[in-house]
Amino acid sequence: MRCITAILTTALMIVSCWILPLSVSAADANTGVLRLQIDGAIGPATADYVEQGLHVAANQHAELVLIQMDTPGGLSSAMRDIIKTILASPVPVVTYVAPSGSRAASAGTYILYASHIAAMAPATNLGAATPVQLMGDKSPTPAVPKTAEDQKVLNDAIAYIRGLASQRGRNADWAEQAVRNAASLTADQALKQHVIDIIASDTPDLLAKLDGRKVATVSGQVTLHTANLTVTDYTPGFRIKFLTVLTDPTVAYILLLIGIYGLVFEGYNPGGVLPGVAGGIALLLAPRSGAETRRMIESRARRAGERVRNAATDVADNVTSQVNEVRDRVTERVGAARRAVRRGQDQVLDAVDAGRYAASEARSDLERRIAENKAARREANSL
């Protein structure tokens, strides 16, 4: 027992050292432009990275924060955290979809709309911002949602991006189409439809086009002086890189499985130590990294339960309909049989009545003939 406790304590100390904030790669003091890179899916680690970068830029009184982005989208919660940070930033934020061939899909479109200035390189695209489920059905929420949950998620996303568009003076109608119908635009089309502000071939071209522009921040209106400014890259530290891997939904799910099976194996084989320790560490890591995954699993379970209930209701309705149809047919046939029996009874009664009438007529005729014979016989005797 002491051995297990010592191993667990040592493992937890190691994990804590990995997870605790590490020294970040801060930019040099008096930075002109601080550039952040978002390359890949957006998750909690990305949100931490952007928040740290904007905090450093504010402390160093940077002229501008440049977020260079190439993303297929990401988690809604992380995207909203990034947008909150951008909206509260006293330093102007320019989101630049680059280099050529990059995209700002899904969550990237929301971030582009939230930025003070939205820029794209040639041959890039944005859009396809319809909310989708992380696990299970990969198709986007339809324009006409199938469930109340789909309707709420879709309407919330539409209202959110329209609010961002209104605040930045961008095309709100197209933003709604990007969410409702997964619409997408190229850089040229986005500029024509007032979705973005600038098309620039590279960073120097972008800075040259930004020079003299006025933007509104939480600190008031700011005039940008970006000509000949030095661009300094803000690179993530080990902590952010580690969390980027750790908070990947697939990794989080694997950690949950390792934790569960490790503890189960330890329960079946007491004294193994390693399975229990590995399972415990995996479960300690999973709650931080797997929150979004678990929420998606719960959402998927609710949707599956709803589909099962709907299927059961449909089956019950079908069975009830068939039972009612059979009952109606049986009732109709029983009624027909009863009517046939009544007709038969009426025919029998008519036949009996006819027989009685014929018998009565025959008896009357017989009595008449007998009376005639008696009368003829008396007349013959009298002669």
Protein backbone atom coordinates (compact mmCIF):
# COMPACT_ATOMS: atom_id res chain seq x y z
CA MET A 1 0.00 0.00 0.00
CA ARG A 2 2.82 2.40 0.85
CA CYS A 3 4.44 1.55 -2.47
CA ILE A 4 1.27 2.38 -4.38
CA THR A 5 0.85 5.66 -2.47
CA ALA A 6 4.44 6.67 -3.19
CA ILE A 7 4.10 5.86 -6.89
CA LEU A 8 0.83 7.78 -7.14
CA THR A 9 2.29 10.79 -5.33
CA THR A 10 5.35 10.84 -7.59
CA ALA A 11 3.23 10.46 -10.72
CA LEU A 12 0.90 13.25 -9.65
CA MET A 13 3.85 15.54 -8.94
CA ILE A 14 5.23 14.88 -12.42
CA VAL A 15 1.85 15.46 -14.06
CA SER A 16 1.33 18.64 -12.04
CA CYS A 17 4.67 19.96 -13.19
CA TRP A 18 3.66 19.32 -16.79
CA ILE A 19 0.25 20.93 -16.45
CA LEU A 20 1.20 23.97 -14.37
CA PRO A 21 1.85 27.07 -16.43
CA LEU A 22 5.32 27.08 -17.84
CA SER A 23 7.32 30.05 -18.96
CA VAL A 24 5.92 31.33 -22.21
CA SER A 25 7.85 32.50 -25.19
CA ALA A 26 7.17 36.19 -24.73
CA ALA A 27 7.95 38.69 -27.41
CA ASP A 28 10.56 41.32 -26.95
CA ALA A 29 9.58 44.56 -25.21
CA ASN A 30 8.16 47.42 -27.23
CA THR A 31 6.89 45.11 -29.95
CA GLY A 32 5.34 46.85 -32.96
CA VAL A 33 3.25 43.96 -34.26
CA LEU A 34 2.78 40.76 -32.31
CA ARG A 35 1.87 37.84 -34.56
CA LEU A 36 0.02 34.76 -33.34
CA GLN A 37 -0.39 31.61 -35.40
CA ILE A 38 -3.58 29.51 -35.41
CA ASP A 39 -2.88 26.50 -37.58
CA GLY A 40 -5.30 23.60 -37.20
CA ALA A 41 -8.41 22.88 -35.15
CA ILE A 42 -9.39 25.37 -32.47
CA GLY A 43 -9.53 24.01 -28.92
CA PRO A 44 -9.04 25.08 -25.29
CA ALA A 45 -5.27 25.29 -25.76
CA THR A 46 -5.76 27.66 -28.71
CA ALA A 47 -7.96 29.87 -26.55
CA ASP A 48 -5.27 29.97 -23.82
CA TYR A 49 -2.63 30.81 -26.41
CA VAL A 50 -4.62 33.72 -27.88
CA GLU A 51 -5.50 35.03 -24.42
CA GLN A 52 -1.85 34.99 -23.35
CA GLY A 53 -0.76 36.63 -26.60
CA LEU A 54 -3.24 39.49 -26.30
CA HIS A 55 -2.28 39.98 -22.65
CA VAL A 56 1.40 40.24 -23.62
CA ALA A 57 0.54 42.67 -26.43
CA ALA A 58 -1.43 44.89 -24.03
CA ASN A 59 1.40 44.89 -21.46
CA GLN A 60 3.96 45.80 -24.12
CA HIS A 61 1.72 48.48 -25.70
CA ALA A 62 1.94 46.80 -29.09
CA GLU A 63 0.60 48.71 -32.05
CA LEU A 64 -1.23 45.70 -33.39
CA VAL A 65 -1.93 42.00 -32.84
CA LEU A 66 -1.89 39.95 -36.01
CA ILE A 67 -3.59 36.55 -35.84
CA GLN A 68 -2.56 34.54 -38.88
CA MET A 69 -5.09 31.77 -39.26
CA ASP A 70 -5.61 28.56 -41.19
CA THR A 71 -8.29 26.45 -39.51
CA PRO A 72 -11.07 24.01 -40.42
CA GLY A 73 -12.97 25.11 -37.29
CA GLY A 74 -13.06 23.79 -33.76
CA LEU A 75 -14.93 23.73 -30.48
CA SER A 76 -17.64 26.31 -29.92
CA SER A 77 -16.61 27.00 -26.32
CA ALA A 78 -12.97 27.69 -27.27
CA MET A 79 -14.09 29.88 -30.18
CA ARG A 80 -16.29 31.97 -27.88
CA ASP A 81 -13.43 32.35 -25.38
CA ILE A 82 -11.19 33.68 -28.17
CA ILE A 83 -13.88 36.08 -29.37
CA LYS A 84 -14.46 37.41 -25.86
CA THR A 85 -10.73 38.07 -25.55
CA ILE A 86 -10.63 39.87 -28.91
CA LEU A 87 -13.66 42.03 -28.11
CA ALA A 88 -12.12 43.07 -24.77
CA SER A 89 -8.66 43.77 -26.23
CA PRO A 90 -7.39 47.36 -26.00
CA VAL A 91 -4.92 46.50 -28.79
CA PRO A 92 -6.41 46.30 -32.32
CA VAL A 93 -6.63 42.73 -33.58
CA VAL A 94 -6.24 41.87 -37.26
CA THR A 95 -7.15 38.34 -38.28
CA TYR A 96 -5.38 37.36 -41.49
CA VAL A 97 -6.27 34.16 -43.36
CA ALA A 98 -2.93 33.21 -44.87
CA PRO A 99 -0.91 31.98 -46.66
CA SER A 100 -2.68 31.34 -49.97
CA GLY A 101 -4.60 28.08 -49.86
CA SER A 102 -5.61 28.57 -46.22
CA ARG A 103 -9.15 28.77 -44.93
CA ALA A 104 -11.18 30.21 -42.07
CA ALA A 105 -13.97 27.67 -41.94
CA SER A 106 -16.61 27.25 -39.27
CA ALA A 107 -15.23 28.71 -36.00
CA GLY A 108 -12.62 30.63 -38.01
CA THR A 109 -15.40 32.60 -39.70
CA TYR A 110 -16.76 33.75 -36.34
CA ILE A 111 -13.29 34.84 -35.21
CA LEU A 112 -12.78 36.70 -38.49
CA TYR A 113 -16.07 38.55 -37.96
CA ALA A 114 -15.12 39.43 -34.35
CA SER A 115 -11.74 40.96 -35.26
CA HIS A 116 -11.26 44.69 -35.62
CA ILE A 117 -9.96 44.13 -39.14
CA ALA A 118 -10.53 41.02 -41.27
CA ALA A 119 -7.99 40.26 -43.99
CA MET A 120 -7.39 37.39 -46.38
CA ALA A 121 -4.68 36.35 -48.78
CA PRO A 122 -5.56 35.52 -52.40
CA ALA A 123 -6.85 31.97 -53.02
CA THR A 124 -8.23 31.59 -49.49
CA ASN A 125 -11.80 31.03 -48.36
CA LEU A 126 -14.11 31.36 -45.39
CA GLY A 127 -17.58 30.21 -44.39
CA ALA A 128 -19.30 26.85 -43.79
CA ALA A 129 -20.10 28.03 -40.26
CA THR A 130 -23.05 25.74 -39.57
CA PRO A 131 -22.75 24.15 -36.09
CA VAL A 132 -22.12 20.41 -36.20
CA GLN A 133 -21.95 17.65 -33.63
CA LEU A 134 -18.44 16.68 -32.65
CA MET A 135 -19.34 12.99 -32.41
CA GLY A 136 -21.88 10.94 -34.28
CA ASP A 137 -23.63 12.52 -37.22
CA LYS A 138 -21.07 14.59 -39.12
CA SER A 139 -23.53 16.33 -41.41
CA PRO A 140 -24.25 19.94 -40.59
CA THR A 141 -27.42 20.97 -38.89
CA PRO A 142 -30.01 21.27 -41.69
CA ALA A 143 -31.64 24.55 -42.68
CA VAL A 144 -34.86 23.11 -41.21
CA PRO A 145 -33.71 21.52 -37.92
CA LYS A 146 -35.12 18.11 -37.08
CA THR A 147 -35.21 18.56 -33.30
CA ALA A 148 -35.71 21.33 -30.78
CA GLU A 149 -32.04 21.00 -29.79
CA ASP A 150 -30.93 21.56 -33.41
CA GLN A 151 -33.23 24.59 -33.63
CA LYS A 152 -31.79 26.14 -30.47
CA VAL A 153 -28.18 25.57 -31.52
CA LEU A 154 -28.78 26.99 -35.00
CA ASN A 155 -30.68 30.07 -33.83
CA ASP A 156 -28.09 30.78 -31.15
CA ALA A 157 -25.26 30.61 -33.69
CA ILE A 158 -27.13 32.88 -36.14
CA ALA A 159 -27.83 35.49 -33.47
CA TYR A 160 -24.22 35.33 -32.29
CA ILE A 161 -22.60 35.92 -35.69
CA ARG A 162 -25.15 38.60 -36.63
CA GLY A 163 -24.25 40.42 -33.42
CA LEU A 164 -20.55 40.28 -34.33
CA ALA A 165 -21.30 41.49 -37.85
CA SER A 166 -23.35 44.40 -36.52
CA GLN A 167 -20.60 45.45 -34.12
CA ARG A 168 -17.91 45.42 -36.83
CA GLY A 169 -20.10 46.78 -39.64
CA ARG A 170 -19.84 43.66 -41.80
CA ASN A 171 -22.33 41.79 -43.97
CA ALA A 172 -24.77 40.24 -41.47
CA ASP A 173 -27.07 38.66 -44.09
CA TRP A 174 -24.26 36.62 -45.63
CA ALA A 175 -23.07 35.68 -42.13
CA GLU A 176 -26.50 34.19 -41.48
CA GLN A 177 -26.31 32.23 -44.74
CA ALA A 178 -22.89 30.90 -43.70
CA VAL A 179 -24.46 29.53 -40.53
CA ARG A 180 -27.86 28.48 -41.84
CA ASN A 181 -26.83 27.03 -45.22
CA ALA A 182 -23.04 26.52 -44.81
CA ALA A 183 -22.32 29.16 -47.47
CA SER A 184 -18.67 29.88 -48.35
CA LEU A 185 -16.81 32.67 -50.16
CA THR A 186 -13.45 33.18 -51.77
CA ALA A 187 -11.32 36.15 -50.73
CA ASP A 188 -12.38 38.24 -53.74
CA GLN A 189 -16.06 37.51 -53.18
CA ALA A 190 -15.73 38.25 -49.47
CA LEU A 191 -14.23 41.66 -50.18
CA LYS A 192 -16.97 42.53 -52.68
CA GLN A 193 -19.70 41.52 -50.23
CA HIS A 194 -18.16 43.50 -47.36
CA VAL A 195 -17.37 40.42 -45.32
CA ILE A 196 -13.67 41.32 -45.00
CA ASP A 197 -11.76 44.59 -45.17
CA ILE A 198 -8.51 43.81 -47.00
CA ILE A 199 -6.93 41.37 -49.41
CA ALA A 200 -3.15 41.26 -48.98
CA SER A 201 -0.60 38.98 -50.63
CA ASP A 202 1.69 38.78 -47.58
CA THR A 203 2.36 40.40 -44.20
CA PRO A 204 4.32 43.44 -45.50
CA ASP A 205 1.55 44.12 -48.01
CA LEU A 206 -1.02 43.83 -45.23
CA LEU A 207 0.84 46.27 -42.96
CA ALA A 208 1.15 48.75 -45.79
CA LYS A 209 -2.61 48.61 -46.45
CA LEU A 210 -3.41 48.90 -42.73
CA ASP A 211 -1.41 52.10 -42.27
CA GLY A 212 -3.67 55.04 -41.47
CA ARG A 213 -6.82 53.02 -40.87
CA LYS A 214 -8.97 53.84 -37.87
CA VAL A 215 -10.50 51.15 -35.68
CA ALA A 216 -12.68 51.26 -32.58
CA THR A 217 -11.41 49.35 -29.52
CA VAL A 218 -12.57 49.24 -25.90
CA SER A 219 -10.07 52.04 -25.26
CA GLY A 220 -11.55 54.24 -27.97
CA GLN A 221 -10.77 54.97 -31.59
CA VAL A 222 -7.23 54.10 -32.67
CA THR A 223 -5.38 55.16 -35.84
CA LEU A 224 -2.99 52.48 -37.02
CA HIS A 225 0.60 53.37 -37.88
CA THR A 226 1.87 50.11 -39.29
CA ALA A 227 4.32 51.20 -41.98
CA ASN A 228 7.76 49.66 -41.43
CA LEU A 229 6.78 48.08 -38.11
CA THR A 230 8.68 45.05 -36.86
CA VAL A 231 6.69 41.83 -36.71
CA THR A 232 7.49 39.56 -33.76
CA ASP A 233 6.14 36.03 -33.56
CA TYR A 234 4.60 34.94 -30.28
CA THR A 235 5.25 31.21 -30.08
CA PRO A 236 3.41 28.95 -27.64
CA GLY A 237 5.34 27.47 -24.74
CA PHE A 238 5.57 23.84 -23.80
CA ARG A 239 2.42 24.05 -21.67
CA ILE A 240 0.29 25.22 -24.61
CA LYS A 241 1.80 22.62 -26.92
CA PHE A 242 1.22 19.91 -24.33
CA LEU A 243 -2.39 21.00 -23.77
CA THR A 244 -2.95 21.16 -27.53
CA VAL A 245 -2.25 17.44 -27.72
CA LEU A 246 -3.97 16.67 -24.43
CA THR A 247 -7.21 18.53 -25.20
CA ASP A 248 -7.69 16.87 -28.55
CA PRO A 249 -11.12 15.15 -28.26
CA THR A 250 -9.75 11.86 -29.59
CA VAL A 251 -6.91 11.87 -27.06
CA ALA A 252 -9.36 12.76 -24.28
CA TYR A 253 -11.57 9.83 -25.20
CA ILE A 254 -8.56 7.50 -25.22
CA LEU A 255 -7.56 8.80 -21.78
CA LEU A 256 -11.03 8.03 -20.45
CA LEU A 257 -10.84 4.49 -21.82
CA ILE A 258 -7.34 3.96 -20.40
CA GLY A 259 -8.48 5.24 -17.02
CA ILE A 260 -11.57 3.05 -16.87
CA TYR A 261 -9.90 -0.14 -18.08
CA GLY A 262 -6.81 0.50 -15.93
CA LEU A 263 -8.90 0.65 -12.77
CA VAL A 264 -10.97 -2.36 -13.85
CA PHE A 265 -7.79 -4.38 -14.50
CA GLU A 266 -6.39 -3.31 -11.12
CA GLY A 267 -9.63 -4.42 -9.45
CA TYR A 268 -9.44 -7.87 -11.04
CA ASN A 269 -5.71 -8.20 -10.34
CA PRO A 270 -4.92 -6.48 -7.02
CA GLY A 271 -1.26 -5.65 -6.56
CA GLY A 272 -0.52 -4.97 -10.22
CA VAL A 273 0.10 -1.30 -9.30
CA LEU A 274 0.91 -0.12 -12.84
CA PRO A 275 -2.64 -0.47 -14.29
CA GLY A 276 -4.14 1.37 -11.33
CA VAL A 277 -1.54 4.15 -11.44
CA ALA A 278 -1.87 4.57 -15.20
CA GLY A 279 -5.66 4.53 -14.94
CA GLY A 280 -5.65 7.08 -12.13
CA ILE A 281 -3.35 9.46 -14.01
CA ALA A 282 -5.40 9.07 -17.19
CA LEU A 283 -8.61 9.90 -15.33
CA LEU A 284 -6.95 12.90 -13.67
CA LEU A 285 -5.94 14.20 -17.09
CA ALA A 286 -9.23 13.33 -18.78
CA PRO A 287 -11.49 15.70 -16.80
CA ARG A 288 -9.51 18.71 -18.06
CA SER A 289 -9.08 17.48 -21.60
CA GLY A 290 -12.30 15.53 -21.98
CA ALA A 291 -14.90 18.05 -20.85
CA GLU A 292 -15.94 18.90 -24.39
CA THR A 293 -15.80 15.25 -25.42
CA ARG A 294 -18.01 14.18 -22.53
CA ARG A 295 -20.49 16.93 -23.31
CA MET A 296 -20.60 15.76 -26.91
CA ILE A 297 -21.04 12.14 -25.75
CA GLU A 298 -23.88 13.21 -23.45
CA SER A 299 -25.44 15.24 -26.24
CA ARG A 300 -25.08 12.29 -28.61
CA ALA A 301 -26.65 10.01 -25.98
CA ARG A 302 -29.56 12.41 -25.57
CA ARG A 303 -30.03 12.56 -29.32
CA ALA A 304 -29.85 8.76 -29.55
CA GLY A 305 -32.36 8.45 -26.71
CA GLU A 306 -34.63 10.91 -28.45
CA ARG A 307 -34.38 8.95 -31.69
CA VAL A 308 -35.16 5.72 -29.82
CA ARG A 309 -38.17 7.35 -28.18
CA ASN A 310 -39.33 8.71 -31.52
CA ALA A 311 -38.86 5.29 -33.12
CA ALA A 312 -40.77 3.64 -30.26
CA THR A 313 -43.54 6.21 -30.63
CA ASP A 314 -43.68 5.58 -34.37
CA VAL A 315 -43.83 1.82 -33.81
CA ALA A 316 -46.56 2.25 -31.19
CA ASP A 317 -48.49 4.54 -33.54
CA ASN A 318 -48.13 2.01 -36.37
CA VAL A 319 -49.25 -0.86 -34.14
CA THR A 320 -52.18 1.18 -32.85
CA SER A 321 -53.12 2.11 -36.39
CA GLN A 322 -52.97 -1.50 -37.53
CA VAL A 323 -54.94 -2.67 -34.50
CA ASN A 324 -57.58 -0.03 -35.16
CA GLU A 325 -57.70 -1.04 -38.82
CA VAL A 326 -58.11 -4.73 -37.92
CA ARG A 327 -60.73 -3.83 -35.34
CA ASP A 328 -62.63 -1.80 -37.92
CA ARG A 329 -62.48 -4.66 -40.41
CA VAL A 330 -63.65 -7.19 -37.79
CA THR A 331 -66.42 -4.84 -36.71
CA GLU A 332 -67.48 -4.37 -40.31
CA ARG A 333 -67.49 -8.12 -40.96
CA VAL A 334 -69.36 -8.87 -37.74
CA GLY A 335 -71.92 -6.24 -38.72
CA ALA A 336 -72.25 -7.81 -42.16
CA ALA A 337 -72.69 -11.24 -40.58
CA ARG A 338 -75.33 -9.89 -38.22
CA ARG A 339 -77.17 -8.29 -41.12
CA ALA A 340 -76.99 -11.57 -43.04
CA VAL A 341 -78.36 -13.45 -40.02
CA ARG A 342 -81.18 -10.94 -39.69
CA ARG A 343 -82.00 -11.32 -43.38
CA GLY A 344 -81.99 -15.11 -42.93
CA GLN A 345 -84.27 -14.84 -39.90
CA ASP A 346 -86.62 -12.57 -41.84
CA GLN A 347 -86.68 -15.01 -44.75
CA VAL A 348 -87.41 -17.95 -42.40
CA LEU A 349 -90.21 -16.01 -40.71
CA ASP A 350 -91.62 -15.08 -44.10
CA ALA A 351 -91.46 -18.72 -45.18
CA VAL A 352 -93.21 -19.86 -41.94
CA ASP A 353 -95.89 -17.26 -42.39
CA ALA A 354 -96.36 -18.31 -46.00
CA GLY A 355 -96.58 -21.96 -44.94
CA ARG A 356 -99.11 -21.14 -42.26
CA TYR A 357 -101.20 -19.16 -44.74
CA ALA A 358 -101.05 -22.01 -47.31
CA ALA A 359 -102.04 -24.58 -44.65
CA SER A 360 -104.90 -22.37 -43.54
CA GLU A 361 -106.12 -22.01 -47.13
CA ALA A 362 -105.82 -25.75 -47.71
CA ARG A 363 -107.76 -26.53 -44.55
CA SER A 364 -110.46 -24.04 -45.47
CA ASP A 365 -110.76 -25.59 -48.94
CA LEU A 366 -110.90 -29.10 -47.46
CA GLU A 367 -113.61 -28.10 -44.99
CA ARG A 368 -115.55 -26.49 -47.83
CA ARG A 369 -115.37 -29.66 -49.94
CA ILE A 370 -116.34 -31.86 -47.00
CA ALA A 371 -119.33 -29.63 -46.38
CA GLU A 372 -120.29 -29.84 -50.05
CA ASN A 373 -120.02 -33.65 -50.01
CA LYS A 374 -122.20 -33.90 -46.90
CA ALA A 375 -124.77 -31.67 -48.50
CA ALA A 376 -124.78 -33.76 -51.70
CA ARG A 377 -125.09 -36.98 -49.69
CA ARG A 378 -128.10 -35.66 -47.69
CA GLU A 379 -129.76 -34.54 -50.90
CA ALA A 380 -129.23 -38.02 -52.46
CA ASN A 381 -130.74 -39.79 -49.40
CA SER A 382 -133.84 -37.64 -49.47
CA LEU A 383 -134.59 -38.72 -53.03
